[in-house]
């Protein structure tokens, strides 16, 4: 049964089927209230998960009956991340174990809502769809670069006539990059045309 007051959720942060490692984030102050959760993850240092310091990378075993190697890190008092094999079976099993504790699986952007602003939610969601390191770098730059600064300026704009004109101009500048931005997660469609036997295949 899900504890509505607790509000604990689990979300997969990595895109399905696109990496050797999957990351699952668990949010919610549940560590001290579910004794069975301590048995789920058994770090090699022998301490319970609630006793582990923040930001420390922990290696251990996950599971009640059969188990597998995972890496876990507590990133905040009520947040930890599990890194496991990227295959669907491993991810599904960990999410099922968490579900048995009453921790439902939600989309990563749903988990973030209410914890950060809309731009950060969208950027993190889009980041999971990046196909290359280069496109991921571009997206990360937007978190502290042009898009972030533009978002913050627009968010505090006093909407008088001159401010509205300046905001519309800024939006036009941002939209000029929309095609480029779209292709950070959607590959370009390229068509090679020409006469037969002129080297298109090479």
N, C-alpha and C. Protein backbone atom coordinates (compact mmCIF):
# COMPACT_ATOMS: atom_id res chain seq x y z
N UNK A 1 0.85 -1.20 0.00
CA UNK A 1 0.00 0.00 0.00
C UNK A 1 0.89 1.25 0.00
N UNK A 2 0.60 2.20 -0.85
CA UNK A 2 1.40 3.41 -0.97
C UNK A 2 1.07 4.37 0.15
N UNK A 3 2.09 4.87 0.80
CA UNK A 3 1.91 5.86 1.86
C UNK A 3 1.81 7.24 1.22
N UNK A 4 0.62 7.79 1.18
CA UNK A 4 0.41 9.06 0.50
C UNK A 4 1.16 10.21 1.18
N UNK A 5 1.26 10.16 2.52
CA UNK A 5 1.96 11.22 3.22
C UNK A 5 3.46 11.16 2.94
N UNK A 6 3.97 9.95 2.78
CA UNK A 6 5.39 9.79 2.54
C UNK A 6 5.77 10.33 1.18
N UNK A 7 4.98 10.03 0.16
CA UNK A 7 5.23 10.54 -1.17
C UNK A 7 6.48 10.00 -1.83
N UNK A 8 6.93 8.81 -1.44
CA UNK A 8 8.14 8.24 -2.03
C UNK A 8 7.84 7.74 -3.44
N UNK A 9 8.76 7.98 -4.37
CA UNK A 9 8.61 7.53 -5.75
C UNK A 9 9.94 7.03 -6.28
N UNK A 10 9.88 6.20 -7.31
CA UNK A 10 11.07 5.71 -8.01
C UNK A 10 10.93 6.08 -9.48
N UNK A 11 12.03 6.49 -10.08
CA UNK A 11 12.00 6.87 -11.50
C UNK A 11 13.29 6.45 -12.18
N UNK A 12 13.15 5.94 -13.38
CA UNK A 12 14.33 5.62 -14.19
C UNK A 12 14.82 6.90 -14.85
N UNK A 13 16.10 7.22 -14.65
CA UNK A 13 16.66 8.45 -15.20
C UNK A 13 17.25 8.25 -16.59
N UNK A 14 17.70 7.05 -16.88
CA UNK A 14 18.33 6.78 -18.17
C UNK A 14 17.30 6.27 -19.16
N UNK A 15 17.55 6.54 -20.42
CA UNK A 15 16.63 6.09 -21.46
C UNK A 15 16.66 4.57 -21.58
N UNK A 16 15.52 3.99 -21.90
CA UNK A 16 15.43 2.54 -22.03
C UNK A 16 16.24 2.04 -23.22
N UNK A 17 17.05 1.01 -22.98
CA UNK A 17 17.75 0.34 -24.07
C UNK A 17 18.86 1.11 -24.73
N UNK A 18 19.38 2.17 -24.10
CA UNK A 18 20.40 2.98 -24.76
C UNK A 18 21.73 3.01 -24.02
N UNK A 19 21.91 2.18 -23.04
CA UNK A 19 23.17 2.22 -22.32
C UNK A 19 23.45 0.94 -21.58
N UNK A 20 24.72 0.73 -21.24
CA UNK A 20 25.11 -0.46 -20.50
C UNK A 20 24.71 -0.36 -19.04
N UNK A 21 24.51 0.87 -18.56
CA UNK A 21 24.15 1.10 -17.16
C UNK A 21 22.85 1.88 -17.09
N UNK A 22 21.97 1.48 -16.18
CA UNK A 22 20.73 2.21 -15.94
C UNK A 22 20.80 2.87 -14.57
N UNK A 23 20.15 4.02 -14.44
CA UNK A 23 20.12 4.74 -13.16
C UNK A 23 18.67 4.92 -12.73
N UNK A 24 18.39 4.53 -11.50
CA UNK A 24 17.06 4.68 -10.91
C UNK A 24 17.18 5.58 -9.69
N UNK A 25 16.35 6.62 -9.64
CA UNK A 25 16.37 7.53 -8.49
C UNK A 25 15.15 7.28 -7.61
N UNK A 26 15.38 7.23 -6.31
CA UNK A 26 14.30 7.07 -5.33
C UNK A 26 14.24 8.32 -4.48
N UNK A 27 13.08 8.98 -4.45
CA UNK A 27 12.88 10.19 -3.66
C UNK A 27 11.80 9.94 -2.62
N UNK A 28 12.01 10.41 -1.43
CA UNK A 28 11.01 10.27 -0.38
C UNK A 28 11.65 9.86 0.93
N UNK A 29 11.23 10.45 2.02
CA UNK A 29 11.83 10.17 3.34
C UNK A 29 11.29 8.87 3.90
N UNK A 30 11.73 7.76 3.33
CA UNK A 30 11.18 6.46 3.71
C UNK A 30 12.21 5.55 4.37
N UNK A 31 13.48 5.93 4.35
CA UNK A 31 14.52 5.02 4.82
C UNK A 31 14.32 4.56 6.26
N UNK A 32 13.90 5.46 7.12
CA UNK A 32 13.75 5.10 8.53
C UNK A 32 12.43 4.39 8.82
N UNK A 33 11.58 4.27 7.83
CA UNK A 33 10.24 3.74 8.09
C UNK A 33 10.00 2.39 7.45
N UNK A 34 10.92 1.89 6.65
CA UNK A 34 10.76 0.60 6.01
C UNK A 34 11.98 -0.27 6.34
N UNK A 35 11.81 -1.15 7.31
CA UNK A 35 12.93 -2.00 7.71
C UNK A 35 13.38 -2.91 6.58
N UNK A 36 12.45 -3.35 5.76
CA UNK A 36 12.81 -4.29 4.69
C UNK A 36 13.69 -3.63 3.64
N UNK A 37 13.62 -2.32 3.53
CA UNK A 37 14.43 -1.62 2.54
C UNK A 37 15.92 -1.80 2.83
N UNK A 38 16.27 -1.89 4.11
CA UNK A 38 17.67 -2.07 4.46
C UNK A 38 18.19 -3.40 3.95
N UNK A 39 17.31 -4.42 3.90
CA UNK A 39 17.72 -5.74 3.42
C UNK A 39 17.83 -5.78 1.90
N UNK A 40 17.19 -4.82 1.22
CA UNK A 40 17.25 -4.81 -0.24
C UNK A 40 18.66 -4.53 -0.74
N UNK A 41 19.30 -3.54 -0.16
CA UNK A 41 20.66 -3.19 -0.59
C UNK A 41 21.63 -3.50 0.54
N UNK A 42 22.64 -4.32 0.22
CA UNK A 42 23.62 -4.72 1.22
C UNK A 42 25.01 -4.25 0.77
N UNK A 43 25.44 -3.08 1.21
CA UNK A 43 26.75 -2.57 0.81
C UNK A 43 27.88 -3.40 1.43
N UNK A 44 29.02 -3.41 0.76
CA UNK A 44 30.13 -4.23 1.24
C UNK A 44 30.70 -3.71 2.56
N UNK A 45 30.44 -2.44 2.88
CA UNK A 45 30.97 -1.93 4.16
C UNK A 45 30.11 -2.33 5.35
N UNK A 46 28.99 -3.04 5.09
CA UNK A 46 28.19 -3.61 6.16
C UNK A 46 27.24 -2.66 6.86
N UNK A 47 27.23 -1.39 6.51
CA UNK A 47 26.33 -0.43 7.15
C UNK A 47 24.99 -0.38 6.43
N UNK A 48 23.95 -0.01 7.16
CA UNK A 48 22.65 0.18 6.54
C UNK A 48 22.64 1.41 5.65
N UNK A 49 21.73 1.44 4.70
CA UNK A 49 21.68 2.55 3.76
C UNK A 49 21.44 3.88 4.46
N UNK A 50 20.60 3.86 5.49
CA UNK A 50 20.30 5.10 6.22
C UNK A 50 21.52 5.64 6.97
N UNK A 51 22.49 4.77 7.23
CA UNK A 51 23.70 5.19 7.96
C UNK A 51 24.79 5.73 7.04
N UNK A 52 24.63 5.55 5.75
CA UNK A 52 25.68 5.93 4.82
C UNK A 52 25.75 7.45 4.66
N UNK A 53 26.96 8.00 4.54
CA UNK A 53 27.08 9.45 4.32
C UNK A 53 26.60 9.85 2.94
N UNK A 54 26.22 11.09 2.79
CA UNK A 54 25.76 11.59 1.50
C UNK A 54 26.93 11.69 0.53
N UNK A 55 26.60 11.55 -0.75
CA UNK A 55 27.56 11.72 -1.85
C UNK A 55 28.64 10.64 -1.90
N UNK A 56 28.50 9.58 -1.14
CA UNK A 56 29.49 8.50 -1.19
C UNK A 56 28.99 7.39 -2.11
N UNK A 57 29.85 6.95 -3.01
CA UNK A 57 29.51 5.87 -3.93
C UNK A 57 29.70 4.54 -3.20
N UNK A 58 28.66 3.73 -3.20
CA UNK A 58 28.66 2.47 -2.45
C UNK A 58 28.46 1.29 -3.39
N UNK A 59 29.31 0.31 -3.25
CA UNK A 59 29.16 -0.93 -4.02
C UNK A 59 28.52 -1.98 -3.11
N UNK A 60 27.61 -2.77 -3.68
CA UNK A 60 26.98 -3.81 -2.88
C UNK A 60 26.09 -4.71 -3.71
N UNK A 61 25.25 -5.46 -3.01
CA UNK A 61 24.33 -6.41 -3.65
C UNK A 61 22.90 -5.94 -3.42
N UNK A 62 22.07 -6.16 -4.44
CA UNK A 62 20.67 -5.75 -4.37
C UNK A 62 19.78 -6.97 -4.51
N UNK A 63 18.77 -7.07 -3.67
CA UNK A 63 17.77 -8.12 -3.82
C UNK A 63 17.57 -8.91 -2.54
N UNK A 64 16.37 -9.51 -2.39
CA UNK A 64 16.06 -10.30 -1.21
C UNK A 64 16.46 -11.76 -1.38
N UNK A 65 15.96 -12.40 -2.45
CA UNK A 65 16.25 -13.82 -2.65
C UNK A 65 17.53 -13.99 -3.46
N UNK A 66 17.46 -13.73 -4.76
CA UNK A 66 18.68 -13.69 -5.57
C UNK A 66 19.11 -12.23 -5.65
N UNK A 67 20.37 -11.99 -5.93
CA UNK A 67 20.85 -10.61 -5.90
C UNK A 67 21.84 -10.36 -7.02
N UNK A 68 22.10 -9.08 -7.28
CA UNK A 68 23.06 -8.68 -8.30
C UNK A 68 23.85 -7.47 -7.82
N UNK A 69 24.99 -7.26 -8.47
CA UNK A 69 25.85 -6.14 -8.11
C UNK A 69 25.25 -4.82 -8.56
N UNK A 70 25.27 -3.84 -7.67
CA UNK A 70 24.80 -2.50 -8.00
C UNK A 70 25.71 -1.48 -7.32
N UNK A 71 25.60 -0.24 -7.76
CA UNK A 71 26.26 0.89 -7.10
C UNK A 71 25.16 1.85 -6.66
N UNK A 72 25.22 2.29 -5.42
CA UNK A 72 24.20 3.17 -4.85
C UNK A 72 24.87 4.41 -4.27
N UNK A 73 24.20 5.55 -4.42
CA UNK A 73 24.70 6.79 -3.83
C UNK A 73 23.54 7.58 -3.25
N UNK A 74 23.66 7.97 -1.99
CA UNK A 74 22.67 8.86 -1.39
C UNK A 74 23.04 10.29 -1.79
N UNK A 75 22.19 10.92 -2.57
CA UNK A 75 22.49 12.27 -3.05
C UNK A 75 21.86 13.36 -2.18
N UNK A 76 20.93 12.98 -1.32
CA UNK A 76 20.31 13.90 -0.36
C UNK A 76 19.76 13.05 0.78
N UNK A 77 19.26 13.70 1.82
CA UNK A 77 18.77 12.96 2.98
C UNK A 77 17.69 11.95 2.60
N UNK A 78 16.83 12.32 1.68
CA UNK A 78 15.72 11.44 1.31
C UNK A 78 15.79 11.01 -0.15
N UNK A 79 16.97 11.04 -0.73
CA UNK A 79 17.13 10.66 -2.14
C UNK A 79 18.35 9.75 -2.29
N UNK A 80 18.17 8.65 -3.03
CA UNK A 80 19.34 7.87 -3.42
C UNK A 80 19.16 7.37 -4.84
N UNK A 81 20.28 7.06 -5.48
CA UNK A 81 20.27 6.57 -6.85
C UNK A 81 20.91 5.19 -6.91
N UNK A 82 20.30 4.32 -7.69
CA UNK A 82 20.80 2.97 -7.90
C UNK A 82 21.30 2.86 -9.33
N UNK A 83 22.53 2.43 -9.51
CA UNK A 83 23.07 2.19 -10.84
C UNK A 83 23.23 0.68 -11.00
N UNK A 84 22.58 0.16 -12.04
CA UNK A 84 22.57 -1.28 -12.25
C UNK A 84 22.82 -1.58 -13.72
N UNK A 85 22.82 -2.86 -14.06
CA UNK A 85 22.93 -3.26 -15.46
C UNK A 85 21.81 -2.60 -16.26
N UNK A 86 22.14 -2.17 -17.47
CA UNK A 86 21.17 -1.41 -18.26
C UNK A 86 20.07 -2.23 -18.91
N UNK A 87 20.13 -3.55 -18.79
CA UNK A 87 19.10 -4.39 -19.39
C UNK A 87 17.74 -4.20 -18.73
N UNK A 88 16.70 -4.43 -19.51
CA UNK A 88 15.34 -4.20 -19.00
C UNK A 88 15.00 -5.10 -17.83
N UNK A 89 15.51 -6.33 -17.82
CA UNK A 89 15.18 -7.26 -16.74
C UNK A 89 15.70 -6.76 -15.40
N UNK A 90 16.93 -6.26 -15.38
CA UNK A 90 17.52 -5.76 -14.13
C UNK A 90 16.76 -4.55 -13.61
N UNK A 91 16.42 -3.64 -14.52
CA UNK A 91 15.69 -2.43 -14.13
C UNK A 91 14.31 -2.79 -13.61
N UNK A 92 13.62 -3.67 -14.33
CA UNK A 92 12.26 -4.06 -13.93
C UNK A 92 12.27 -4.72 -12.56
N UNK A 93 13.29 -5.51 -12.31
CA UNK A 93 13.35 -6.20 -11.02
C UNK A 93 13.54 -5.22 -9.87
N UNK A 94 14.43 -4.26 -10.02
CA UNK A 94 14.65 -3.28 -8.96
C UNK A 94 13.39 -2.44 -8.73
N UNK A 95 12.75 -2.02 -9.81
CA UNK A 95 11.51 -1.24 -9.67
C UNK A 95 10.41 -2.07 -9.01
N UNK A 96 10.38 -3.39 -9.32
CA UNK A 96 9.39 -4.26 -8.70
C UNK A 96 9.66 -4.41 -7.20
N UNK A 97 10.94 -4.54 -6.84
CA UNK A 97 11.28 -4.62 -5.41
C UNK A 97 10.83 -3.36 -4.67
N UNK A 98 11.08 -2.21 -5.28
CA UNK A 98 10.67 -0.95 -4.66
C UNK A 98 9.15 -0.84 -4.57
N UNK A 99 8.49 -1.35 -5.60
CA UNK A 99 7.02 -1.33 -5.60
C UNK A 99 6.47 -2.15 -4.44
N UNK A 100 7.15 -3.26 -4.10
CA UNK A 100 6.71 -4.08 -2.97
C UNK A 100 6.79 -3.31 -1.66
N UNK A 101 7.65 -2.30 -1.62
CA UNK A 101 7.75 -1.46 -0.42
C UNK A 101 6.73 -0.33 -0.43
N UNK A 102 5.91 -0.27 -1.49
CA UNK A 102 4.94 0.81 -1.59
C UNK A 102 5.49 2.05 -2.25
N UNK A 103 6.55 1.88 -3.04
CA UNK A 103 7.16 3.02 -3.73
C UNK A 103 6.85 2.88 -5.22
N UNK A 104 5.91 3.65 -5.74
CA UNK A 104 5.49 3.50 -7.13
C UNK A 104 6.53 4.05 -8.10
N UNK A 105 6.49 3.52 -9.30
CA UNK A 105 7.34 4.01 -10.38
C UNK A 105 6.63 5.14 -11.11
N UNK A 106 7.34 6.25 -11.31
CA UNK A 106 6.79 7.39 -12.05
C UNK A 106 7.80 7.82 -13.09
N UNK A 107 7.37 8.66 -14.02
CA UNK A 107 8.29 9.22 -15.00
C UNK A 107 9.24 10.18 -14.28
N UNK A 108 10.46 10.29 -14.80
CA UNK A 108 11.46 11.12 -14.13
C UNK A 108 11.03 12.58 -14.06
N UNK A 109 10.36 13.08 -15.11
CA UNK A 109 9.93 14.48 -15.07
C UNK A 109 8.82 14.68 -14.03
N UNK A 110 7.97 13.68 -13.87
CA UNK A 110 6.91 13.78 -12.85
C UNK A 110 7.53 13.82 -11.45
N UNK A 111 8.58 13.05 -11.26
CA UNK A 111 9.24 13.03 -9.96
C UNK A 111 9.87 14.37 -9.62
N UNK A 112 10.37 15.06 -10.64
CA UNK A 112 11.05 16.34 -10.43
C UNK A 112 10.09 17.50 -10.19
N UNK A 113 8.86 17.39 -10.70
CA UNK A 113 7.92 18.50 -10.57
C UNK A 113 7.70 18.83 -9.09
N UNK A 114 7.73 20.11 -8.79
CA UNK A 114 7.58 20.55 -7.42
C UNK A 114 8.90 20.65 -6.68
N UNK A 115 9.96 20.04 -7.25
CA UNK A 115 11.27 20.11 -6.62
C UNK A 115 12.18 21.12 -7.31
N UNK A 116 11.86 21.46 -8.55
CA UNK A 116 12.68 22.40 -9.30
C UNK A 116 11.80 23.13 -10.30
N UNK A 117 12.39 24.04 -11.09
CA UNK A 117 11.57 24.82 -12.02
C UNK A 117 11.30 24.05 -13.31
N UNK A 118 10.40 24.58 -14.12
CA UNK A 118 9.96 23.90 -15.33
C UNK A 118 11.11 23.67 -16.30
N UNK A 119 12.00 24.64 -16.43
CA UNK A 119 13.11 24.51 -17.36
C UNK A 119 14.01 23.34 -16.98
N UNK A 120 14.31 23.20 -15.71
CA UNK A 120 15.18 22.11 -15.26
C UNK A 120 14.51 20.76 -15.51
N UNK A 121 13.21 20.68 -15.29
CA UNK A 121 12.48 19.44 -15.56
C UNK A 121 12.59 19.07 -17.03
N UNK A 122 12.37 20.05 -17.91
CA UNK A 122 12.43 19.79 -19.35
C UNK A 122 13.84 19.42 -19.80
N UNK A 123 14.84 20.12 -19.27
CA UNK A 123 16.21 19.84 -19.67
C UNK A 123 16.65 18.45 -19.22
N UNK A 124 16.31 18.06 -18.01
CA UNK A 124 16.69 16.74 -17.54
C UNK A 124 15.97 15.64 -18.31
N UNK A 125 14.71 15.88 -18.63
CA UNK A 125 13.96 14.92 -19.43
C UNK A 125 14.57 14.78 -20.82
N UNK A 126 14.92 15.92 -21.44
CA UNK A 126 15.51 15.90 -22.77
C UNK A 126 16.89 15.27 -22.76
N UNK A 127 17.62 15.46 -21.68
CA UNK A 127 18.97 14.91 -21.58
C UNK A 127 18.97 13.39 -21.69
N UNK A 128 17.93 12.74 -21.21
CA UNK A 128 17.87 11.27 -21.31
C UNK A 128 17.70 10.80 -22.74
N UNK A 129 17.33 11.71 -23.65
CA UNK A 129 17.12 11.34 -25.05
C UNK A 129 18.33 11.66 -25.93
N UNK A 130 19.37 12.26 -25.34
CA UNK A 130 20.56 12.61 -26.12
C UNK A 130 21.23 11.34 -26.62
N UNK A 131 21.64 11.35 -27.90
CA UNK A 131 22.21 10.15 -28.51
C UNK A 131 23.73 10.14 -28.50
N UNK A 132 24.36 11.30 -28.27
CA UNK A 132 25.82 11.38 -28.28
C UNK A 132 26.30 12.23 -27.11
N UNK A 133 27.60 12.10 -26.78
CA UNK A 133 28.18 12.93 -25.74
C UNK A 133 28.10 14.41 -26.12
N UNK A 134 28.29 14.68 -27.40
CA UNK A 134 28.31 16.07 -27.84
C UNK A 134 26.95 16.73 -27.64
N UNK A 135 25.88 16.04 -28.03
CA UNK A 135 24.55 16.63 -27.84
C UNK A 135 24.22 16.74 -26.35
N UNK A 136 24.67 15.77 -25.55
CA UNK A 136 24.45 15.86 -24.11
C UNK A 136 25.18 17.08 -23.53
N UNK A 137 26.38 17.35 -24.04
CA UNK A 137 27.13 18.53 -23.58
C UNK A 137 26.39 19.82 -23.92
N UNK A 138 25.83 19.89 -25.14
CA UNK A 138 25.06 21.07 -25.53
C UNK A 138 23.89 21.29 -24.57
N UNK A 139 23.18 20.20 -24.25
CA UNK A 139 22.03 20.32 -23.36
C UNK A 139 22.45 20.74 -21.96
N UNK A 140 23.55 20.18 -21.48
CA UNK A 140 24.04 20.56 -20.15
C UNK A 140 24.42 22.03 -20.09
N UNK A 141 24.99 22.53 -21.19
CA UNK A 141 25.38 23.94 -21.24
C UNK A 141 24.18 24.86 -21.10
N UNK A 142 23.02 24.41 -21.59
CA UNK A 142 21.83 25.25 -21.52
C UNK A 142 21.33 25.42 -20.09
N UNK A 143 21.70 24.51 -19.21
CA UNK A 143 21.26 24.60 -17.81
C UNK A 143 21.87 25.81 -17.11
N UNK A 144 23.02 26.25 -17.60
CA UNK A 144 23.67 27.41 -16.98
C UNK A 144 24.04 28.48 -18.00
N UNK A 145 23.60 28.29 -19.24
CA UNK A 145 23.98 29.19 -20.31
C UNK A 145 22.84 30.05 -20.81
N UNK A 146 22.76 30.20 -22.14
CA UNK A 146 21.82 31.12 -22.78
C UNK A 146 20.38 30.83 -22.40
N UNK A 147 19.98 29.57 -22.49
CA UNK A 147 18.58 29.24 -22.24
C UNK A 147 18.20 29.51 -20.79
N UNK A 148 19.07 29.14 -19.86
CA UNK A 148 18.80 29.39 -18.44
C UNK A 148 18.70 30.89 -18.15
N UNK A 149 19.64 31.68 -18.65
CA UNK A 149 19.61 33.13 -18.38
C UNK A 149 18.40 33.78 -19.03
N UNK A 150 18.04 33.34 -20.24
CA UNK A 150 16.86 33.89 -20.90
C UNK A 150 15.59 33.54 -20.13
N UNK A 151 15.52 32.31 -19.66
CA UNK A 151 14.36 31.87 -18.87
C UNK A 151 14.21 32.72 -17.61
N UNK A 152 15.32 32.96 -16.93
CA UNK A 152 15.26 33.73 -15.69
C UNK A 152 14.88 35.19 -15.94
N UNK A 153 15.37 35.75 -17.06
CA UNK A 153 15.00 37.13 -17.38
C UNK A 153 13.52 37.23 -17.71
N UNK A 154 13.03 36.29 -18.48
CA UNK A 154 11.62 36.32 -18.86
C UNK A 154 10.71 36.07 -17.66
N UNK A 155 11.19 35.27 -16.71
CA UNK A 155 10.37 34.92 -15.55
C UNK A 155 10.12 36.10 -14.63
N UNK A 156 11.00 37.09 -14.64
CA UNK A 156 10.85 38.24 -13.73
C UNK A 156 10.47 39.52 -14.47
N UNK A 157 10.18 39.39 -15.75
CA UNK A 157 9.85 40.58 -16.53
C UNK A 157 8.56 41.24 -16.04
N UNK A 158 8.61 42.56 -15.87
CA UNK A 158 7.41 43.34 -15.60
C UNK A 158 6.76 43.65 -16.95
N UNK A 159 5.53 43.21 -17.12
CA UNK A 159 4.95 43.23 -18.46
C UNK A 159 4.32 44.57 -18.82
N UNK A 160 5.16 45.62 -18.88
CA UNK A 160 4.69 46.86 -19.50
C UNK A 160 5.00 46.79 -21.00
N UNK A 161 4.65 47.81 -21.72
CA UNK A 161 4.75 47.76 -23.18
C UNK A 161 6.19 47.58 -23.67
N UNK A 162 7.13 48.33 -23.10
CA UNK A 162 8.52 48.22 -23.55
C UNK A 162 9.12 46.87 -23.17
N UNK A 163 8.78 46.37 -21.97
CA UNK A 163 9.29 45.07 -21.54
C UNK A 163 8.73 43.96 -22.42
N UNK A 164 7.46 44.11 -22.81
CA UNK A 164 6.85 43.11 -23.68
C UNK A 164 7.56 43.06 -25.02
N UNK A 165 7.88 44.22 -25.57
CA UNK A 165 8.58 44.27 -26.86
C UNK A 165 9.96 43.62 -26.76
N UNK A 166 10.68 43.89 -25.65
CA UNK A 166 12.00 43.30 -25.45
C UNK A 166 11.90 41.79 -25.27
N UNK A 167 10.86 41.35 -24.55
CA UNK A 167 10.68 39.92 -24.33
C UNK A 167 10.37 39.20 -25.64
N UNK A 168 9.52 39.81 -26.47
CA UNK A 168 9.19 39.20 -27.76
C UNK A 168 10.42 39.11 -28.65
N UNK A 169 11.27 40.12 -28.60
CA UNK A 169 12.51 40.08 -29.39
C UNK A 169 13.42 38.95 -28.90
N UNK A 170 13.48 38.80 -27.59
CA UNK A 170 14.31 37.73 -27.04
C UNK A 170 13.76 36.35 -27.40
N UNK A 171 12.44 36.22 -27.37
CA UNK A 171 11.82 34.95 -27.77
C UNK A 171 12.11 34.64 -29.23
N UNK A 172 12.07 35.65 -30.08
CA UNK A 172 12.40 35.45 -31.50
C UNK A 172 13.83 34.95 -31.65
N UNK A 173 14.75 35.50 -30.85
CA UNK A 173 16.15 35.06 -30.91
C UNK A 173 16.28 33.60 -30.48
N UNK A 174 15.54 33.23 -29.45
CA UNK A 174 15.58 31.84 -28.99
C UNK A 174 14.98 30.90 -30.03
N UNK A 175 13.86 31.31 -30.62
CA UNK A 175 13.19 30.46 -31.60
C UNK A 175 14.01 30.27 -32.86
N UNK A 176 14.93 31.20 -33.12
CA UNK A 176 15.81 31.05 -34.29
C UNK A 176 16.68 29.80 -34.16
N UNK A 177 16.88 29.33 -32.92
CA UNK A 177 17.69 28.14 -32.67
C UNK A 177 16.84 26.88 -32.48
N UNK A 178 15.54 26.99 -32.69
CA UNK A 178 14.65 25.87 -32.39
C UNK A 178 14.95 24.63 -33.23
N UNK A 179 15.26 24.84 -34.51
CA UNK A 179 15.55 23.69 -35.37
C UNK A 179 16.81 22.97 -34.89
N UNK A 180 17.83 23.74 -34.55
CA UNK A 180 19.05 23.14 -34.01
C UNK A 180 18.75 22.40 -32.71
N UNK A 181 17.99 23.03 -31.83
CA UNK A 181 17.65 22.42 -30.56
C UNK A 181 16.87 21.13 -30.72
N UNK A 182 15.96 21.10 -31.67
CA UNK A 182 15.15 19.89 -31.89
C UNK A 182 16.03 18.71 -32.28
N UNK A 183 17.09 19.01 -33.05
CA UNK A 183 17.94 17.92 -33.53
C UNK A 183 19.01 17.50 -32.54
N UNK A 184 18.97 18.05 -31.34
CA UNK A 184 19.84 17.52 -30.29
C UNK A 184 19.36 16.15 -29.83
N UNK A 185 18.08 15.87 -30.05
CA UNK A 185 17.53 14.56 -29.68
C UNK A 185 16.92 13.82 -30.86
N UNK A 186 16.67 14.52 -31.96
CA UNK A 186 16.12 13.89 -33.16
C UNK A 186 17.16 13.95 -34.27
N UNK A 187 17.61 12.80 -34.78
CA UNK A 187 18.63 12.82 -35.84
C UNK A 187 18.13 13.56 -37.07
N UNK A 188 19.07 14.16 -37.79
CA UNK A 188 18.73 14.82 -39.04
C UNK A 188 18.38 13.77 -40.09
N UNK A 189 17.45 14.10 -40.95
CA UNK A 189 17.14 13.26 -42.11
C UNK A 189 17.92 13.79 -43.30
N UNK A 190 18.77 12.95 -43.85
CA UNK A 190 19.64 13.36 -44.95
C UNK A 190 19.29 12.54 -46.19
N UNK A 191 19.11 13.21 -47.29
CA UNK A 191 18.80 12.55 -48.56
C UNK A 191 19.94 12.79 -49.53
N UNK A 192 20.51 11.71 -50.06
CA UNK A 192 21.54 11.80 -51.09
C UNK A 192 20.89 11.51 -52.43
N UNK A 193 20.95 12.46 -53.33
CA UNK A 193 20.35 12.27 -54.65
C UNK A 193 21.41 12.42 -55.73
N UNK A 194 21.11 11.87 -56.87
CA UNK A 194 22.04 11.99 -57.99
C UNK A 194 21.79 10.91 -59.02
N UNK A 195 22.50 11.00 -60.11
CA UNK A 195 22.35 10.02 -61.17
C UNK A 195 22.88 8.66 -60.71
N UNK A 196 22.42 7.59 -61.34
CA UNK A 196 22.92 6.25 -60.98
C UNK A 196 24.43 6.14 -61.21
N UNK A 197 25.07 5.34 -60.36
CA UNK A 197 26.49 4.99 -60.52
C UNK A 197 27.42 6.20 -60.52
N UNK A 198 27.13 7.17 -59.63
CA UNK A 198 28.04 8.33 -59.55
C UNK A 198 28.71 8.41 -58.17
N UNK A 199 28.60 7.34 -57.37
CA UNK A 199 29.31 7.30 -56.11
C UNK A 199 28.50 7.63 -54.87
N UNK A 200 27.18 7.59 -54.96
CA UNK A 200 26.36 7.93 -53.79
C UNK A 200 26.59 6.94 -52.65
N UNK A 201 26.77 5.67 -52.97
CA UNK A 201 26.90 4.66 -51.92
C UNK A 201 28.24 4.75 -51.20
N UNK A 202 29.22 5.35 -51.81
CA UNK A 202 30.54 5.45 -51.16
C UNK A 202 30.71 6.80 -50.49
